[in-house]
Amino acid sequence: MTSTAAPRVAFFIDGFNLYHSIKSAEQHLAGYPLKWLDIPSLCDSTLQLIGNGAQCTAIHYFTAFAEYLRHKDPGKYSRHQLYVRALTAHKVKLHTSRFQKRQAWADDLNRFVTVFEEKETDVAIACTCLGLAAADHFDVAVMLTGDSDFTPLVETFAQSHPDKQILFAFPYDRVSKQLQRLSPRSFKLSKESYRTHQFPHSIRLPSGKHIHIPPEWTS
């Protein structure tokens, strides 16, 4: 970055990578539910680590809705949708990918079983980041993920946008040493930060209606 102005920071959230981190944090903070995470507040709390008066200009949240759970586990599906509504009510920009069905061999069952895999999210994050950088929408990209598959993105970003920075905010228990080497100014999120940054139990939507934390996420 060559400008002396406060850096504009865009956050890119790998939704499922963060979700698995939250589940791990809940196991290590027994008694503290953490899934109603206030991502905008969490992102804002990291700006001091970037320094120079950094300002958050956008938060992009990437996820996929598990349509196959609509009938198998409707509660889990509806809780995910409700949480996304809480995020978009706080001006988080949603990007959705999909799940794809495939057959995988299960050694314990000695047969093939049907599994569902999240598809396209990594590519969507990388394309969105590079596209917004080319359009000069930010000075610093913060990738909230610990997925080492983003290594090519870091290398391409450095070559195509040497005047900008790409950092990683590693979710708790999801650190990638490879990404840490490529982006040494990256930092780790603690399990305590998840506990600190939780949405209020009731959230007012732009329509004036209210949504409430799922009861399953309160204990």
Protein backbone atom coordinates (compact mmCIF):
# COMPACT_ATOMS: atom_id res chain seq x y z
CA MET A 1 0.00 0.00 0.00
CA THR A 2 1.41 3.38 -0.98
CA SER A 3 -1.37 5.66 0.28
CA THR A 4 -1.12 7.33 3.70
CA ALA A 5 -4.91 7.22 4.09
CA ALA A 6 -6.50 4.76 6.50
CA PRO A 7 -6.46 1.35 4.78
CA ARG A 8 -9.79 0.03 3.56
CA VAL A 9 -10.24 -3.53 4.77
CA ALA A 10 -12.49 -6.18 3.25
CA PHE A 11 -13.13 -9.43 5.10
CA PHE A 12 -13.79 -12.73 3.37
CA ILE A 13 -15.36 -15.36 5.65
CA ASP A 14 -15.07 -19.06 4.90
CA GLY A 15 -18.32 -20.00 6.63
CA PHE A 16 -17.82 -23.71 7.18
CA ASN A 17 -14.17 -23.38 8.18
CA LEU A 18 -15.29 -20.89 10.81
CA TYR A 19 -18.20 -23.12 11.87
CA HIS A 20 -15.91 -26.06 12.60
CA SER A 21 -13.66 -23.72 14.57
CA ILE A 22 -16.63 -22.57 16.65
CA LYS A 23 -17.58 -26.17 17.43
CA SER A 24 -14.01 -26.82 18.57
CA ALA A 25 -14.06 -23.69 20.73
CA GLU A 26 -17.34 -24.78 22.34
CA GLN A 27 -15.70 -28.04 23.36
CA HIS A 28 -12.88 -26.14 25.04
CA LEU A 29 -15.15 -23.55 26.66
CA ALA A 30 -17.59 -25.95 28.24
CA GLY A 31 -20.90 -24.32 29.00
CA TYR A 32 -20.54 -21.43 26.57
CA PRO A 33 -22.55 -21.69 23.32
CA LEU A 34 -20.81 -19.72 20.57
CA LYS A 35 -22.72 -20.30 17.32
CA TRP A 36 -24.61 -16.94 17.47
CA LEU A 37 -21.32 -15.27 16.57
CA ASP A 38 -21.36 -11.54 15.81
CA ILE A 39 -19.00 -11.63 12.84
CA PRO A 40 -19.09 -7.86 12.14
CA SER A 41 -18.08 -7.11 15.74
CA LEU A 42 -15.38 -9.78 15.62
CA CYS A 43 -13.99 -8.34 12.40
CA ASP A 44 -13.98 -4.81 13.80
CA SER A 45 -12.02 -6.01 16.82
CA THR A 46 -9.14 -7.11 14.57
CA LEU A 47 -8.68 -3.76 12.81
CA GLN A 48 -6.23 -2.60 15.48
CA LEU A 49 -3.94 -5.45 14.43
CA ILE A 50 -3.83 -4.03 10.91
CA GLY A 51 -3.15 -0.55 12.23
CA ASN A 52 -2.97 2.92 10.62
CA GLY A 53 -6.63 3.58 11.42
CA ALA A 54 -7.83 0.65 9.31
CA GLN A 55 -11.54 0.72 8.49
CA CYS A 56 -13.81 -2.17 7.56
CA THR A 57 -15.51 -1.44 4.25
CA ALA A 58 -17.16 -4.82 3.57
CA ILE A 59 -17.67 -8.30 4.98
CA HIS A 60 -18.29 -11.15 2.53
CA TYR A 61 -19.67 -14.38 3.98
CA PHE A 62 -19.42 -17.58 1.93
CA THR A 63 -21.50 -20.65 2.73
CA ALA A 64 -23.75 -23.32 1.24
CA PHE A 65 -27.20 -24.33 2.42
CA ALA A 66 -27.51 -28.07 2.97
CA GLU A 67 -30.71 -28.61 1.02
CA TYR A 68 -30.42 -32.35 1.60
CA LEU A 69 -31.09 -31.71 5.31
CA ARG A 70 -34.49 -30.06 4.72
CA HIS A 71 -36.25 -33.32 5.63
CA LYS A 72 -33.47 -35.29 7.32
CA ASP A 73 -32.61 -32.57 9.87
CA PRO A 74 -34.89 -29.54 9.29
CA GLY A 75 -33.86 -27.91 12.55
CA LYS A 76 -30.23 -27.71 11.56
CA TYR A 77 -31.15 -26.37 8.14
CA SER A 78 -33.47 -23.69 9.56
CA ARG A 79 -30.93 -22.60 12.18
CA HIS A 80 -28.37 -22.03 9.45
CA GLN A 81 -30.85 -19.91 7.50
CA LEU A 82 -31.75 -17.94 10.61
CA TYR A 83 -28.11 -17.20 11.35
CA VAL A 84 -27.55 -15.95 7.81
CA ARG A 85 -30.53 -13.60 8.26
CA ALA A 86 -28.84 -12.23 11.38
CA LEU A 87 -25.65 -11.61 9.40
CA THR A 88 -27.33 -9.92 6.44
CA ALA A 89 -29.29 -7.71 8.85
CA HIS A 90 -25.87 -6.39 9.85
CA LYS A 91 -24.91 -5.65 6.22
CA VAL A 92 -22.82 -8.77 5.71
CA LYS A 93 -22.81 -9.70 2.02
CA LEU A 94 -23.86 -13.29 1.41
CA HIS A 95 -22.35 -15.57 -1.24
CA THR A 96 -23.79 -19.08 -1.57
CA SER A 97 -22.37 -22.18 -3.20
CA ARG A 98 -23.76 -25.73 -3.15
CA PHE A 99 -23.44 -29.27 -1.90
CA GLN A 100 -22.76 -32.10 -4.31
CA LYS A 101 -23.70 -35.75 -3.76
CA ARG A 102 -21.18 -38.51 -4.38
CA GLN A 103 -20.46 -42.10 -3.40
CA ALA A 104 -17.63 -42.82 -0.95
CA TRP A 105 -16.31 -46.08 0.42
CA ALA A 106 -16.88 -46.58 4.17
CA ASP A 107 -14.36 -49.03 5.63
CA ASP A 108 -16.36 -49.58 8.81
CA LEU A 109 -19.47 -50.54 6.81
CA ASN A 110 -17.58 -52.31 4.01
CA ARG A 111 -19.72 -50.60 1.37
CA PHE A 112 -20.24 -47.38 -0.53
CA VAL A 113 -22.32 -44.66 1.13
CA THR A 114 -23.76 -41.39 -0.09
CA VAL A 115 -21.97 -38.28 1.14
CA PHE A 116 -22.46 -34.59 0.41
CA GLU A 117 -19.54 -32.23 -0.17
CA GLU A 118 -19.50 -28.46 -0.20
CA LYS A 119 -18.46 -27.30 -3.66
CA GLU A 120 -17.23 -24.04 -5.23
CA THR A 121 -16.80 -22.03 -2.02
CA ASP A 122 -13.00 -21.75 -2.20
CA VAL A 123 -13.14 -20.73 -5.84
CA ALA A 124 -15.89 -18.20 -5.11
CA ILE A 125 -13.83 -16.62 -2.32
CA ALA A 126 -10.72 -16.40 -4.49
CA CYS A 127 -12.58 -14.98 -7.51
CA THR A 128 -14.46 -12.44 -5.43
CA CYS A 129 -11.29 -11.30 -3.68
CA LEU A 130 -9.32 -10.89 -6.90
CA GLY A 131 -12.22 -9.20 -8.68
CA LEU A 132 -12.76 -6.64 -5.90
CA ALA A 133 -9.02 -6.00 -5.71
CA ALA A 134 -8.92 -5.31 -9.45
CA ALA A 135 -11.82 -2.87 -9.00
CA ASP A 136 -9.89 -1.20 -6.13
CA HIS A 137 -12.58 -1.85 -3.51
CA PHE A 138 -10.06 -2.37 -0.71
CA ASP A 139 -6.45 -1.99 0.33
CA VAL A 140 -6.24 -5.01 2.62
CA ALA A 141 -8.01 -8.34 2.23
CA VAL A 142 -8.46 -10.39 5.40
CA MET A 143 -9.32 -14.02 4.76
CA LEU A 144 -11.01 -15.59 7.76
CA THR A 145 -10.05 -19.21 7.15
CA GLY A 146 -7.36 -21.74 7.93
CA ASP A 147 -7.69 -23.66 4.68
CA SER A 148 -4.29 -24.13 3.03
CA ASP A 149 -6.04 -24.50 -0.35
CA PHE A 150 -5.85 -20.70 -0.52
CA THR A 151 -2.10 -20.84 -1.13
CA PRO A 152 -2.48 -20.18 -4.90
CA LEU A 153 -4.65 -17.16 -4.12
CA VAL A 154 -1.91 -15.61 -1.97
CA GLU A 155 0.67 -16.11 -4.70
CA THR A 156 -1.56 -14.74 -7.46
CA PHE A 157 -2.68 -11.81 -5.32
CA ALA A 158 0.93 -10.80 -4.58
CA GLN A 159 1.81 -10.84 -8.27
CA SER A 160 -1.27 -9.01 -9.55
CA HIS A 161 -1.74 -6.50 -6.71
CA PRO A 162 1.65 -5.65 -5.20
CA ASP A 163 0.20 -2.39 -3.83
CA LYS A 164 -2.31 -4.27 -1.66
CA GLN A 165 -2.07 -6.77 1.17
CA ILE A 166 -3.70 -10.11 1.88
CA LEU A 167 -3.77 -11.40 5.46
CA PHE A 168 -5.35 -14.33 7.24
CA ALA A 169 -7.37 -14.26 10.42
CA PHE A 170 -6.99 -17.88 11.42
CA PRO A 171 -10.05 -19.24 13.22
CA TYR A 172 -9.39 -20.87 16.56
CA ASP A 173 -7.74 -24.27 16.15
CA ARG A 174 -7.56 -23.86 12.33
CA VAL A 175 -4.09 -22.38 11.76
CA SER A 176 -2.28 -23.13 8.52
CA LYS A 177 1.49 -22.91 8.88
CA GLN A 178 1.83 -22.72 5.12
CA LEU A 179 -0.40 -19.66 4.87
CA GLN A 180 1.33 -18.18 7.90
CA ARG A 181 4.67 -18.37 6.10
CA LEU A 182 3.24 -16.77 2.96
CA SER A 183 1.46 -14.03 4.89
CA PRO A 184 3.50 -13.35 8.04
CA ARG A 185 1.32 -10.46 9.21
CA SER A 186 -1.58 -12.87 9.66
CA PHE A 187 -3.01 -13.45 13.13
CA LYS A 188 -5.00 -15.98 15.15
CA LEU A 189 -8.48 -15.67 16.61
CA SER A 190 -8.93 -16.97 20.13
CA LYS A 191 -11.82 -19.01 21.45
CA GLU A 192 -12.38 -16.22 23.99
CA SER A 193 -12.96 -13.75 21.15
CA TYR A 194 -15.92 -15.87 20.02
CA ARG A 195 -17.36 -15.66 23.50
CA THR A 196 -16.90 -11.88 23.60
CA HIS A 197 -18.50 -11.22 20.23
CA GLN A 198 -21.99 -12.68 20.29
CA PHE A 199 -25.16 -11.18 18.83
CA PRO A 200 -27.89 -10.14 21.27
CA HIS A 201 -30.53 -12.84 21.65
CA SER A 202 -33.04 -10.72 19.72
CA ILE A 203 -32.13 -8.95 16.47
CA ARG A 204 -34.26 -6.40 14.67
CA LEU A 205 -34.36 -6.89 10.89
CA PRO A 206 -34.54 -3.97 8.44
CA SER A 207 -38.22 -4.87 7.94
CA GLY A 208 -38.88 -4.15 11.59
CA LYS A 209 -39.45 -7.79 12.49
CA HIS A 210 -37.30 -9.53 15.09
CA ILE A 211 -35.49 -12.84 14.96
CA HIS A 212 -34.26 -14.68 18.01
CA ILE A 213 -31.38 -16.97 18.77
CA PRO A 214 -32.36 -20.64 18.33
CA PRO A 215 -33.04 -22.25 21.74
CA GLU A 216 -30.56 -24.99 20.85
CA TRP A 217 -27.81 -22.35 20.75
CA THR A 218 -28.43 -20.92 24.20
CA SER A 219 -27.11 -23.82 26.26
